[in-house]
Amino acid sequence: MLGSAAGDALGSRYEFGPALPDEVTPAFGRGVFGHDVGEWTDDTSMAMPILRVLADGRTLEDLAALNEIVASWCEWSRSAKDVGAQTRSILSALPVPTAAAAFAESERAHAARNAAPAMGRSCAPDQSRSATSTEPPPSSSPRPVASRS
């Protein structure tokens, strides 16, 4: 984990940039989101509460441990320099900082994100038909798949 945290801190200044040529030796520097030299990003920050739980000998099947992790993430996200857009969206929408609420909000966000492209297609006007056409639009229902016996 120490190597991962060090790599995260080293790479923070290069995050979201182009790949570096092999001959370039990365150097610590100010991160893209204003991280101080040697400061890690949200990746390591979000791993820390999980590692604390595991270091205490608890498991990720323990609901109290999961609630503690989510509460830590919520607290951290309020002042963090860098939180992923979807992570911030989910954490800020939680009515209470619990694992159950985080899971439910994550599922809701996932469903909405996956439905958006389909909704855009089904709501877009059909340019191939005239505005005065009396024919119904073609079915957008998926065709049944033949079952294999």
N, C-alpha and C. Protein backbone atom coordinates (compact mmCIF):
# COMPACT_ATOMS: atom_id res chain seq x y z
N MET A 1 0.82 -1.19 0.00
CA MET A 1 0.00 0.00 0.00
C MET A 1 0.87 1.26 0.00
N LEU A 2 2.01 1.19 0.65
CA LEU A 2 2.89 2.36 0.65
C LEU A 2 3.36 2.70 -0.75
N GLY A 3 3.69 1.68 -1.53
CA GLY A 3 4.11 1.91 -2.92
C GLY A 3 2.98 2.53 -3.74
N SER A 4 1.77 2.08 -3.51
CA SER A 4 0.61 2.63 -4.22
C SER A 4 0.40 4.10 -3.86
N ALA A 5 0.49 4.42 -2.57
CA ALA A 5 0.32 5.81 -2.13
C ALA A 5 1.44 6.70 -2.68
N ALA A 6 2.67 6.19 -2.68
CA ALA A 6 3.78 6.96 -3.23
C ALA A 6 3.60 7.18 -4.73
N GLY A 7 3.18 6.15 -5.45
CA GLY A 7 2.92 6.29 -6.88
C GLY A 7 1.79 7.26 -7.16
N ASP A 8 0.76 7.25 -6.33
CA ASP A 8 -0.36 8.17 -6.48
C ASP A 8 0.13 9.60 -6.29
N ALA A 9 0.95 9.82 -5.27
CA ALA A 9 1.48 11.17 -5.01
C ALA A 9 2.40 11.62 -6.14
N LEU A 10 3.25 10.72 -6.61
CA LEU A 10 4.16 11.05 -7.71
C LEU A 10 3.38 11.38 -8.97
N GLY A 11 2.33 10.61 -9.23
CA GLY A 11 1.57 10.80 -10.45
C GLY A 11 0.54 11.91 -10.41
N SER A 12 0.29 12.50 -9.25
CA SER A 12 -0.78 13.51 -9.17
C SER A 12 -0.55 14.71 -10.08
N ARG A 13 0.68 15.04 -10.33
CA ARG A 13 0.94 16.18 -11.23
C ARG A 13 0.75 15.82 -12.69
N TYR A 14 0.67 14.53 -12.99
CA TYR A 14 0.51 14.08 -14.37
C TYR A 14 -0.90 13.57 -14.66
N GLU A 15 -1.74 13.56 -13.64
CA GLU A 15 -3.10 13.03 -13.79
C GLU A 15 -3.84 13.76 -14.90
N PHE A 16 -4.51 13.01 -15.73
CA PHE A 16 -5.31 13.50 -16.85
C PHE A 16 -4.48 14.12 -17.97
N GLY A 17 -3.18 13.98 -17.91
CA GLY A 17 -2.33 14.49 -18.98
C GLY A 17 -1.98 13.38 -19.96
N PRO A 18 -1.24 13.71 -21.00
CA PRO A 18 -0.85 12.69 -21.97
C PRO A 18 0.18 11.74 -21.36
N ALA A 19 0.30 10.58 -21.97
CA ALA A 19 1.31 9.62 -21.52
C ALA A 19 2.69 10.23 -21.72
N LEU A 20 3.59 9.93 -20.81
CA LEU A 20 4.96 10.44 -20.90
C LEU A 20 5.82 9.49 -21.71
N PRO A 21 6.75 10.02 -22.47
CA PRO A 21 7.69 9.15 -23.19
C PRO A 21 8.53 8.36 -22.19
N ASP A 22 8.98 7.21 -22.59
CA ASP A 22 9.75 6.35 -21.69
C ASP A 22 11.00 7.02 -21.14
N GLU A 23 11.59 7.95 -21.91
CA GLU A 23 12.84 8.58 -21.44
C GLU A 23 12.62 9.65 -20.37
N VAL A 24 11.37 10.01 -20.10
CA VAL A 24 11.08 11.03 -19.07
C VAL A 24 11.02 10.36 -17.70
N THR A 25 11.76 10.92 -16.75
CA THR A 25 11.70 10.45 -15.37
C THR A 25 10.74 11.35 -14.61
N PRO A 26 9.61 10.81 -14.14
CA PRO A 26 8.64 11.65 -13.42
C PRO A 26 9.27 12.24 -12.16
N ALA A 27 8.83 13.43 -11.83
CA ALA A 27 9.31 14.10 -10.63
C ALA A 27 8.12 14.59 -9.82
N PHE A 28 8.29 14.60 -8.50
CA PHE A 28 7.22 15.13 -7.65
C PHE A 28 7.03 16.60 -7.97
N GLY A 29 5.82 17.05 -7.92
CA GLY A 29 5.51 18.45 -8.17
C GLY A 29 4.08 18.72 -7.77
N ARG A 30 3.67 19.94 -7.92
CA ARG A 30 2.30 20.34 -7.57
C ARG A 30 1.32 19.56 -8.45
N GLY A 31 0.27 18.99 -7.83
CA GLY A 31 -0.70 18.18 -8.55
C GLY A 31 -1.68 19.01 -9.35
N VAL A 32 -2.34 18.35 -10.27
CA VAL A 32 -3.31 18.99 -11.17
C VAL A 32 -4.38 19.72 -10.37
N PHE A 33 -4.85 19.14 -9.28
CA PHE A 33 -5.91 19.74 -8.49
C PHE A 33 -5.38 20.53 -7.31
N GLY A 34 -4.11 20.91 -7.37
CA GLY A 34 -3.52 21.71 -6.30
C GLY A 34 -2.94 20.90 -5.16
N HIS A 35 -2.72 19.63 -5.39
CA HIS A 35 -2.09 18.82 -4.35
C HIS A 35 -0.68 19.33 -4.11
N ASP A 36 -0.28 19.34 -2.86
CA ASP A 36 1.08 19.73 -2.53
C ASP A 36 2.05 18.68 -3.04
N VAL A 37 3.32 19.03 -3.14
CA VAL A 37 4.35 18.09 -3.57
C VAL A 37 4.32 16.89 -2.62
N GLY A 38 4.17 15.70 -3.19
CA GLY A 38 4.16 14.48 -2.39
C GLY A 38 2.80 14.13 -1.80
N GLU A 39 1.78 14.92 -2.07
CA GLU A 39 0.44 14.63 -1.55
C GLU A 39 -0.30 13.71 -2.50
N TRP A 40 -0.94 12.68 -1.96
CA TRP A 40 -1.68 11.75 -2.80
C TRP A 40 -3.05 12.29 -3.19
N THR A 41 -3.71 11.58 -4.11
CA THR A 41 -5.00 12.03 -4.65
C THR A 41 -6.16 11.33 -3.95
N ASP A 42 -7.35 11.52 -4.51
CA ASP A 42 -8.56 10.91 -3.97
C ASP A 42 -8.48 9.39 -3.96
N ASP A 43 -7.72 8.80 -4.85
CA ASP A 43 -7.62 7.34 -4.89
C ASP A 43 -7.10 6.80 -3.56
N THR A 44 -6.01 7.35 -3.08
CA THR A 44 -5.44 6.90 -1.81
C THR A 44 -6.29 7.39 -0.63
N SER A 45 -6.80 8.60 -0.73
CA SER A 45 -7.64 9.12 0.35
C SER A 45 -8.85 8.23 0.60
N MET A 46 -9.44 7.70 -0.46
CA MET A 46 -10.60 6.83 -0.29
C MET A 46 -10.20 5.44 0.19
N ALA A 47 -8.99 5.02 -0.08
CA ALA A 47 -8.52 3.71 0.39
C ALA A 47 -8.22 3.72 1.89
N MET A 48 -7.83 4.86 2.43
CA MET A 48 -7.40 4.93 3.83
C MET A 48 -8.46 4.45 4.82
N PRO A 49 -9.72 4.87 4.74
CA PRO A 49 -10.70 4.35 5.70
C PRO A 49 -10.89 2.83 5.58
N ILE A 50 -10.79 2.30 4.38
CA ILE A 50 -10.90 0.85 4.19
C ILE A 50 -9.72 0.17 4.89
N LEU A 51 -8.52 0.72 4.69
CA LEU A 51 -7.33 0.14 5.30
C LEU A 51 -7.38 0.22 6.82
N ARG A 52 -7.93 1.33 7.38
CA ARG A 52 -8.06 1.45 8.83
C ARG A 52 -8.95 0.34 9.38
N VAL A 53 -10.07 0.09 8.71
CA VAL A 53 -10.98 -0.97 9.14
C VAL A 53 -10.28 -2.32 9.12
N LEU A 54 -9.58 -2.61 8.02
CA LEU A 54 -8.88 -3.88 7.90
C LEU A 54 -7.75 -3.99 8.92
N ALA A 55 -7.03 -2.89 9.17
CA ALA A 55 -5.94 -2.90 10.15
C ALA A 55 -6.46 -3.16 11.57
N ASP A 56 -7.71 -2.77 11.82
CA ASP A 56 -8.32 -3.02 13.12
C ASP A 56 -8.80 -4.47 13.26
N GLY A 57 -8.62 -5.27 12.20
CA GLY A 57 -9.01 -6.67 12.25
C GLY A 57 -10.46 -6.91 11.88
N ARG A 58 -11.14 -5.88 11.42
CA ARG A 58 -12.54 -6.04 11.02
C ARG A 58 -12.60 -6.43 9.55
N THR A 59 -13.77 -6.80 9.09
CA THR A 59 -13.93 -7.23 7.70
C THR A 59 -14.87 -6.28 6.97
N LEU A 60 -14.87 -6.39 5.65
CA LEU A 60 -15.75 -5.58 4.83
C LEU A 60 -17.14 -6.19 4.74
N GLU A 61 -17.39 -7.28 5.45
CA GLU A 61 -18.73 -7.84 5.57
C GLU A 61 -19.44 -7.28 6.81
N ASP A 62 -18.71 -6.57 7.66
CA ASP A 62 -19.24 -5.98 8.89
C ASP A 62 -19.94 -4.66 8.57
N LEU A 63 -21.25 -4.61 8.79
CA LEU A 63 -22.04 -3.43 8.46
C LEU A 63 -21.54 -2.18 9.19
N ALA A 64 -21.16 -2.33 10.45
CA ALA A 64 -20.65 -1.18 11.21
C ALA A 64 -19.36 -0.65 10.57
N ALA A 65 -18.52 -1.55 10.09
CA ALA A 65 -17.27 -1.14 9.43
C ALA A 65 -17.58 -0.41 8.13
N LEU A 66 -18.53 -0.93 7.35
CA LEU A 66 -18.91 -0.27 6.10
C LEU A 66 -19.51 1.11 6.37
N ASN A 67 -20.33 1.22 7.39
CA ASN A 67 -20.90 2.53 7.74
C ASN A 67 -19.81 3.52 8.14
N GLU A 68 -18.81 3.03 8.86
CA GLU A 68 -17.68 3.88 9.25
C GLU A 68 -16.91 4.37 8.01
N ILE A 69 -16.71 3.49 7.05
CA ILE A 69 -16.01 3.86 5.82
C ILE A 69 -16.78 4.94 5.08
N VAL A 70 -18.08 4.74 4.89
CA VAL A 70 -18.90 5.73 4.18
C VAL A 70 -18.91 7.05 4.92
N ALA A 71 -19.04 7.02 6.24
CA ALA A 71 -19.03 8.26 7.03
C ALA A 71 -17.68 8.98 6.85
N SER A 72 -16.59 8.23 6.82
CA SER A 72 -15.27 8.83 6.61
C SER A 72 -15.18 9.47 5.24
N TRP A 73 -15.70 8.77 4.21
CA TRP A 73 -15.68 9.33 2.86
C TRP A 73 -16.48 10.63 2.80
N CYS A 74 -17.65 10.64 3.43
CA CYS A 74 -18.49 11.85 3.41
C CYS A 74 -17.76 13.02 4.07
N GLU A 75 -17.16 12.77 5.20
CA GLU A 75 -16.42 13.82 5.91
C GLU A 75 -15.25 14.32 5.06
N TRP A 76 -14.48 13.40 4.51
CA TRP A 76 -13.32 13.75 3.67
C TRP A 76 -13.75 14.57 2.45
N SER A 77 -14.85 14.17 1.82
CA SER A 77 -15.26 14.81 0.55
C SER A 77 -15.67 16.27 0.72
N ARG A 78 -16.02 16.66 1.93
CA ARG A 78 -16.45 18.05 2.16
C ARG A 78 -15.32 19.06 1.98
N SER A 79 -14.08 18.61 2.18
CA SER A 79 -12.96 19.56 2.08
C SER A 79 -11.85 19.07 1.15
N ALA A 80 -12.06 17.95 0.48
CA ALA A 80 -11.02 17.38 -0.38
C ALA A 80 -10.76 18.27 -1.59
N LYS A 81 -9.51 18.31 -2.01
CA LYS A 81 -9.12 19.09 -3.19
C LYS A 81 -9.64 18.45 -4.46
N ASP A 82 -9.82 17.15 -4.44
CA ASP A 82 -10.16 16.42 -5.66
C ASP A 82 -11.01 15.23 -5.30
N VAL A 83 -12.25 15.27 -5.77
CA VAL A 83 -13.17 14.14 -5.62
C VAL A 83 -13.77 13.91 -7.00
N GLY A 84 -13.78 12.68 -7.45
CA GLY A 84 -14.37 12.39 -8.75
C GLY A 84 -15.82 12.87 -8.80
N ALA A 85 -16.25 13.28 -9.98
CA ALA A 85 -17.59 13.86 -10.14
C ALA A 85 -18.69 12.91 -9.68
N GLN A 86 -18.62 11.65 -10.08
CA GLN A 86 -19.68 10.72 -9.67
C GLN A 86 -19.59 10.42 -8.18
N THR A 87 -18.39 10.29 -7.66
CA THR A 87 -18.23 10.05 -6.23
C THR A 87 -18.81 11.20 -5.43
N ARG A 88 -18.49 12.44 -5.82
CA ARG A 88 -19.03 13.61 -5.11
C ARG A 88 -20.55 13.63 -5.21
N SER A 89 -21.07 13.32 -6.39
CA SER A 89 -22.52 13.32 -6.60
C SER A 89 -23.21 12.33 -5.66
N ILE A 90 -22.65 11.14 -5.56
CA ILE A 90 -23.25 10.12 -4.70
C ILE A 90 -23.11 10.49 -3.23
N LEU A 91 -21.92 10.86 -2.81
CA LEU A 91 -21.72 11.18 -1.39
C LEU A 91 -22.54 12.38 -0.94
N SER A 92 -22.66 13.38 -1.80
CA SER A 92 -23.41 14.59 -1.40
C SER A 92 -24.92 14.35 -1.41
N ALA A 93 -25.38 13.28 -2.06
CA ALA A 93 -26.82 12.99 -2.13
C ALA A 93 -27.29 12.09 -0.99
N LEU A 94 -26.38 11.60 -0.17
CA LEU A 94 -26.78 10.67 0.88
C LEU A 94 -27.57 11.37 1.97
N PRO A 95 -28.77 10.86 2.29
CA PRO A 95 -29.54 11.46 3.38
C PRO A 95 -28.87 11.20 4.72
N VAL A 96 -28.23 10.04 4.84
CA VAL A 96 -27.43 9.68 6.02
C VAL A 96 -26.19 8.96 5.50
N PRO A 97 -25.04 9.15 6.16
CA PRO A 97 -23.81 8.53 5.66
C PRO A 97 -23.69 7.06 6.08
N THR A 98 -24.48 6.22 5.45
CA THR A 98 -24.43 4.79 5.75
C THR A 98 -24.14 4.01 4.48
N ALA A 99 -23.70 2.78 4.67
CA ALA A 99 -23.41 1.91 3.53
C ALA A 99 -24.67 1.64 2.72
N ALA A 100 -25.80 1.43 3.39
CA ALA A 100 -27.05 1.15 2.69
C ALA A 100 -27.45 2.34 1.82
N ALA A 101 -27.34 3.55 2.36
CA ALA A 101 -27.69 4.75 1.59
C ALA A 101 -26.73 4.93 0.42
N ALA A 102 -25.45 4.69 0.64
CA ALA A 102 -24.46 4.83 -0.44
C ALA A 102 -24.72 3.82 -1.54
N PHE A 103 -25.05 2.59 -1.17
CA PHE A 103 -25.33 1.57 -2.17
C PHE A 103 -26.57 1.94 -2.98
N ALA A 104 -27.63 2.39 -2.29
CA ALA A 104 -28.87 2.76 -2.98
C ALA A 104 -28.63 3.93 -3.93
N GLU A 105 -27.89 4.94 -3.50
CA GLU A 105 -27.63 6.10 -4.34
C GLU A 105 -26.73 5.72 -5.51
N SER A 106 -25.78 4.84 -5.28
CA SER A 106 -24.92 4.38 -6.36
C SER A 106 -25.72 3.61 -7.41
N GLU A 107 -26.63 2.77 -6.97
CA GLU A 107 -27.49 2.03 -7.90
C GLU A 107 -28.37 2.99 -8.69
N ARG A 108 -28.93 4.02 -8.03
CA ARG A 108 -29.77 5.00 -8.70
C ARG A 108 -28.96 5.76 -9.75
N ALA A 109 -27.77 6.19 -9.38
CA ALA A 109 -26.92 6.94 -10.31
C ALA A 109 -26.50 6.06 -11.49
N HIS A 110 -26.20 4.80 -11.22
CA HIS A 110 -25.80 3.87 -12.27
C HIS A 110 -26.95 3.66 -13.25
N ALA A 111 -28.15 3.46 -12.73
CA ALA A 111 -29.31 3.25 -13.59
C ALA A 111 -29.58 4.49 -14.44
N ALA A 112 -29.49 5.67 -13.83
CA ALA A 112 -29.73 6.90 -14.58
C ALA A 112 -28.68 7.11 -15.65
N ARG A 113 -27.42 6.83 -15.33
CA ARG A 113 -26.34 7.00 -16.30
C ARG A 113 -26.52 6.05 -17.48
N ASN A 114 -26.93 4.83 -17.20
CA ASN A 114 -27.11 3.85 -18.28
C ASN A 114 -28.36 4.12 -19.09
N ALA A 115 -29.37 4.72 -18.49
CA ALA A 115 -30.63 5.00 -19.20
C ALA A 115 -30.51 6.24 -20.09
N ALA A 116 -29.64 7.16 -19.76
CA ALA A 116 -29.56 8.43 -20.48
C ALA A 116 -29.35 8.26 -21.98
N PRO A 117 -28.41 7.45 -22.44
CA PRO A 117 -28.26 7.31 -23.91
C PRO A 117 -29.51 6.74 -24.57
N ALA A 118 -30.14 5.77 -23.94
CA ALA A 118 -31.35 5.18 -24.51
C ALA A 118 -32.48 6.19 -24.52
N MET A 119 -32.59 6.98 -23.47
CA MET A 119 -33.64 8.00 -23.41
C MET A 119 -33.41 9.03 -24.51
N GLY A 120 -32.17 9.39 -24.73
CA GLY A 120 -31.87 10.36 -25.78
C GLY A 120 -32.29 9.85 -27.14
N ARG A 121 -32.06 8.56 -27.39
CA ARG A 121 -32.45 7.99 -28.68
C ARG A 121 -33.96 7.90 -28.81
N SER A 122 -34.64 7.49 -27.73
CA SER A 122 -36.09 7.31 -27.85
C SER A 122 -36.83 8.64 -27.84
N CYS A 123 -36.24 9.68 -27.30
CA CYS A 123 -36.90 10.98 -27.25
C CYS A 123 -36.54 11.86 -28.44
N ALA A 124 -35.53 11.47 -29.19
CA ALA A 124 -35.11 12.30 -30.32
C ALA A 124 -36.13 12.16 -31.45
N PRO A 125 -36.39 13.25 -32.16
CA PRO A 125 -37.34 13.16 -33.26
C PRO A 125 -36.80 12.25 -34.36
N ASP A 126 -37.70 11.52 -34.98
CA ASP A 126 -37.35 10.63 -36.08
C ASP A 126 -37.28 11.46 -37.35
N GLN A 127 -36.07 11.70 -37.82
CA GLN A 127 -35.87 12.56 -38.99
C GLN A 127 -36.29 11.89 -40.30
N SER A 128 -36.48 10.57 -40.27
CA SER A 128 -36.82 9.87 -41.51
C SER A 128 -38.31 9.95 -41.83
N ARG A 129 -39.11 10.37 -40.89
CA ARG A 129 -40.55 10.45 -41.12
C ARG A 129 -40.97 11.90 -41.19
N SER A 130 -41.99 12.18 -41.97
CA SER A 130 -42.47 13.56 -42.06
C SER A 130 -43.30 13.89 -40.82
N ALA A 131 -43.40 15.16 -40.51
CA ALA A 131 -44.15 15.59 -39.34
C ALA A 131 -45.63 15.28 -39.47
N THR A 132 -46.12 15.08 -40.69
CA THR A 132 -47.55 14.81 -40.89
C THR A 132 -47.84 13.34 -41.10
N SER A 133 -46.86 12.48 -40.95
CA SER A 133 -47.05 11.05 -41.17
C SER A 133 -48.09 10.50 -40.20
N THR A 134 -48.93 9.62 -40.70
CA THR A 134 -49.94 8.97 -39.86
C THR A 134 -49.51 7.57 -39.46
N GLU A 135 -48.36 7.15 -39.96
CA GLU A 135 -47.87 5.83 -39.61
C GLU A 135 -47.23 5.86 -38.23
N PRO A 136 -47.45 4.82 -37.43
CA PRO A 136 -46.80 4.79 -36.11
C PRO A 136 -45.30 4.63 -36.28
N PRO A 137 -44.53 5.13 -35.33
CA PRO A 137 -43.07 4.95 -35.42
C PRO A 137 -42.74 3.47 -35.30
N PRO A 138 -41.59 3.08 -35.86
CA PRO A 138 -41.19 1.68 -35.74
C PRO A 138 -41.00 1.33 -34.27
N SER A 139 -41.24 0.09 -33.94
CA SER A 139 -41.11 -0.36 -32.56
C SER A 139 -39.66 -0.23 -32.12
N SER A 140 -39.48 0.25 -30.89
CA SER A 140 -38.12 0.32 -30.35
C SER A 140 -37.88 -0.80 -29.36
N SER A 141 -38.88 -1.69 -29.23
CA SER A 141 -38.71 -2.82 -28.32
C SER A 141 -37.68 -3.78 -28.87
N PRO A 142 -36.86 -4.33 -28.00
CA PRO A 142 -35.89 -5.30 -28.50
C PRO A 142 -36.60 -6.56 -28.98
N ARG A 143 -36.02 -7.19 -29.97
CA ARG A 143 -36.58 -8.44 -30.47
C ARG A 143 -36.30 -9.55 -29.47
N PRO A 144 -37.25 -10.47 -29.33
CA PRO A 144 -36.97 -11.59 -28.43
C PRO A 144 -35.80 -12.41 -28.96
N VAL A 145 -35.01 -12.90 -28.04
CA VAL A 145 -33.87 -13.73 -28.40
C VAL A 145 -34.30 -15.18 -28.31
N ALA A 146 -34.01 -15.95 -29.33
CA ALA A 146 -34.36 -17.37 -29.31
C ALA A 146 -33.58 -18.06 -28.20
N SER A 147 -34.28 -18.85 -27.45
CA SER A 147 -33.59 -19.56 -26.37
C SER A 147 -32.86 -20.77 -26.93
N ARG A 148 -31.78 -21.12 -26.28
CA ARG A 148 -31.01 -22.30 -26.68
C ARG A 148 -31.49 -23.47 -25.86
N SER A 149 -31.77 -24.58 -26.52
CA SER A 149 -32.22 -25.75 -25.78
C SER A 149 -31.16 -26.80 -25.76
